[in-house]
Amino acid sequence: MRQKGTHPLGVVLADDSEVVRQRLRTVISGLPDVLIVGEAADADQALARIREHAPDVVVLDMFMPGGGGTRVLQELAGADQRPIVLVFTNFAYPEYRDACLQLGADHFLDKSADLERLLSILGQLAQAS
């Protein structure tokens, strides 16, 4: 985790869709004090990038190869310094939301409706830290 004022808010993007990651890269790069430090296309890569980069935030797809977002959340549950996790999914059903929040997700966002909210959360986190 970063110390206040030392460097930009580090973000790992974990989504099996290259198109989604590219779109997120484009819009997040316009945010001040936010830097994408790693990307992943499956759960194993996501966990590796999180260990490698110790990001402040993970934008996490729920369904990816290798166990998806729920596996990543389960593995992060015991971490001493866990990043803030923003689940960003096309499957924004209440039962998935409840499961992700119980596993430790900080936010649960719908890809089709919550892009601006995602950017707002990242901007607020960057300003607050």
Foldseek 3Di string as FASTA:
>chain_A
DDDPPPAAQEEEEEALDPVVVVVCCVVLVPAPRYDHPYYYNALVRVLVSCVVPVGQEYAFEQDGPPRGPLVNLQVQQPDPRHHAYEYEYCPQDPVVQVSSVVSPHPYYHYNVPCPVVVSVVSNVVRVVD
